[in-house]
Amino acid sequence: MSHSPAITRRIQTVEGHLRRVKKMIDDESYCIDVINQSKAVQSALAKIDEMLLEHHLRTCVVDHIKAGKTELATKEVLSVFRRSA
């Protein structure tokens, strides 16, 4: 499975944001500033999840359906939604 370079770039951005959160905590930065930075990390991770899900829907799910594995495709996607609820 080939993921786009955009996903790799976003992951690198998240890593940078996360290092920033750790440094802010180590430096005992203002709590609200740390929370705001943490929210940025969470938002960036959610975007990565969205990109990965879109990729999965456009590739793997299509392949499953073509192969007659509709039930498998449905279960996989529903399991993602159940975990996020």
Protein backbone atom coordinates (compact mmCIF):
# COMPACT_ATOMS: atom_id res chain seq x y z
CA MET A 1 0.00 0.00 0.00
CA SER A 2 1.49 3.32 -1.06
CA HIS A 3 0.64 6.39 0.98
CA SER A 4 1.11 9.85 -0.34
CA PRO A 5 4.09 12.03 0.54
CA ALA A 6 1.53 14.47 1.98
CA ILE A 7 0.80 12.00 4.78
CA THR A 8 4.51 11.64 5.54
CA ARG A 9 4.88 15.42 5.68
CA ARG A 10 1.92 15.70 8.04
CA ILE A 11 3.39 13.03 10.31
CA GLN A 12 6.66 14.96 10.43
CA THR A 13 4.70 18.09 11.34
CA VAL A 14 2.92 16.21 14.13
CA GLU A 15 6.26 14.99 15.45
CA GLY A 16 7.47 18.58 15.60
CA HIS A 17 4.30 19.74 17.36
CA LEU A 18 4.58 16.88 19.84
CA ARG A 19 8.20 17.71 20.62
CA ARG A 20 7.02 21.28 21.21
CA VAL A 21 4.36 20.06 23.66
CA LYS A 22 6.97 18.06 25.58
CA LYS A 23 9.34 21.04 25.70
CA MET A 24 6.52 23.31 26.89
CA ILE A 25 5.70 20.84 29.67
CA ASP A 26 9.37 20.49 30.61
CA ASP A 27 9.65 24.30 30.66
CA GLU A 28 6.45 24.56 32.73
CA SER A 29 4.81 26.78 30.14
CA TYR A 30 1.42 28.33 30.71
CA CYS A 31 -1.15 25.50 30.81
CA ILE A 32 -3.51 27.02 28.25
CA ASP A 33 -0.63 27.40 25.79
CA VAL A 34 0.28 23.73 26.25
CA ILE A 35 -3.34 22.69 25.77
CA ASN A 36 -3.59 24.76 22.59
CA GLN A 37 -0.45 23.10 21.23
CA SER A 38 -1.80 19.68 22.24
CA LYS A 39 -5.06 20.43 20.43
CA ALA A 40 -3.04 21.26 17.31
CA VAL A 41 -1.40 17.82 17.54
CA GLN A 42 -4.77 16.12 17.93
CA SER A 43 -6.21 18.05 15.00
CA ALA A 44 -3.24 17.14 12.81
CA LEU A 45 -3.61 13.46 13.76
CA ALA A 46 -7.31 13.58 12.94
CA LYS A 47 -6.44 14.98 9.50
CA ILE A 48 -3.96 12.14 8.96
CA ASP A 49 -6.68 9.64 9.92
CA GLU A 50 -9.03 11.29 7.44
CA MET A 51 -6.44 11.08 4.67
CA LEU A 52 -5.70 7.43 5.46
CA LEU A 53 -9.39 6.56 5.52
CA GLU A 54 -9.94 8.28 2.18
CA HIS A 55 -7.01 6.34 0.73
CA HIS A 56 -8.42 3.11 2.15
CA LEU A 57 -11.86 3.80 0.70
CA ARG A 58 -10.46 4.61 -2.73
CA THR A 59 -8.17 1.57 -2.88
CA CYS A 60 -8.67 -1.31 -0.46
CA VAL A 61 -12.45 -1.03 -0.16
CA VAL A 62 -12.84 -0.85 -3.92
CA ASP A 63 -10.63 -3.93 -4.28
CA HIS A 64 -12.63 -5.81 -1.60
CA ILE A 65 -15.91 -5.00 -3.30
CA LYS A 66 -14.58 -6.04 -6.71
CA ALA A 67 -13.45 -9.34 -5.13
CA GLY A 68 -16.89 -9.89 -3.62
CA LYS A 69 -15.71 -9.14 -0.07
CA THR A 70 -18.31 -6.47 0.64
CA GLU A 71 -18.90 -7.68 4.19
CA LEU A 72 -15.20 -7.37 5.04
CA ALA A 73 -15.04 -3.86 3.60
CA THR A 74 -18.11 -2.81 5.58
CA LYS A 75 -16.84 -4.31 8.86
CA GLU A 76 -13.46 -2.58 8.55
CA VAL A 77 -14.92 0.87 7.97
CA LEU A 78 -17.54 0.47 10.69
CA SER A 79 -14.89 -0.63 13.18
CA VAL A 80 -13.05 2.66 12.63
CA PHE A 81 -16.19 4.63 13.41
CA ARG A 82 -16.97 2.54 16.48
CA ARG A 83 -13.51 3.15 17.93
CA SER A 84 -13.80 6.88 17.41
CA ALA A 85 -17.21 7.16 19.06
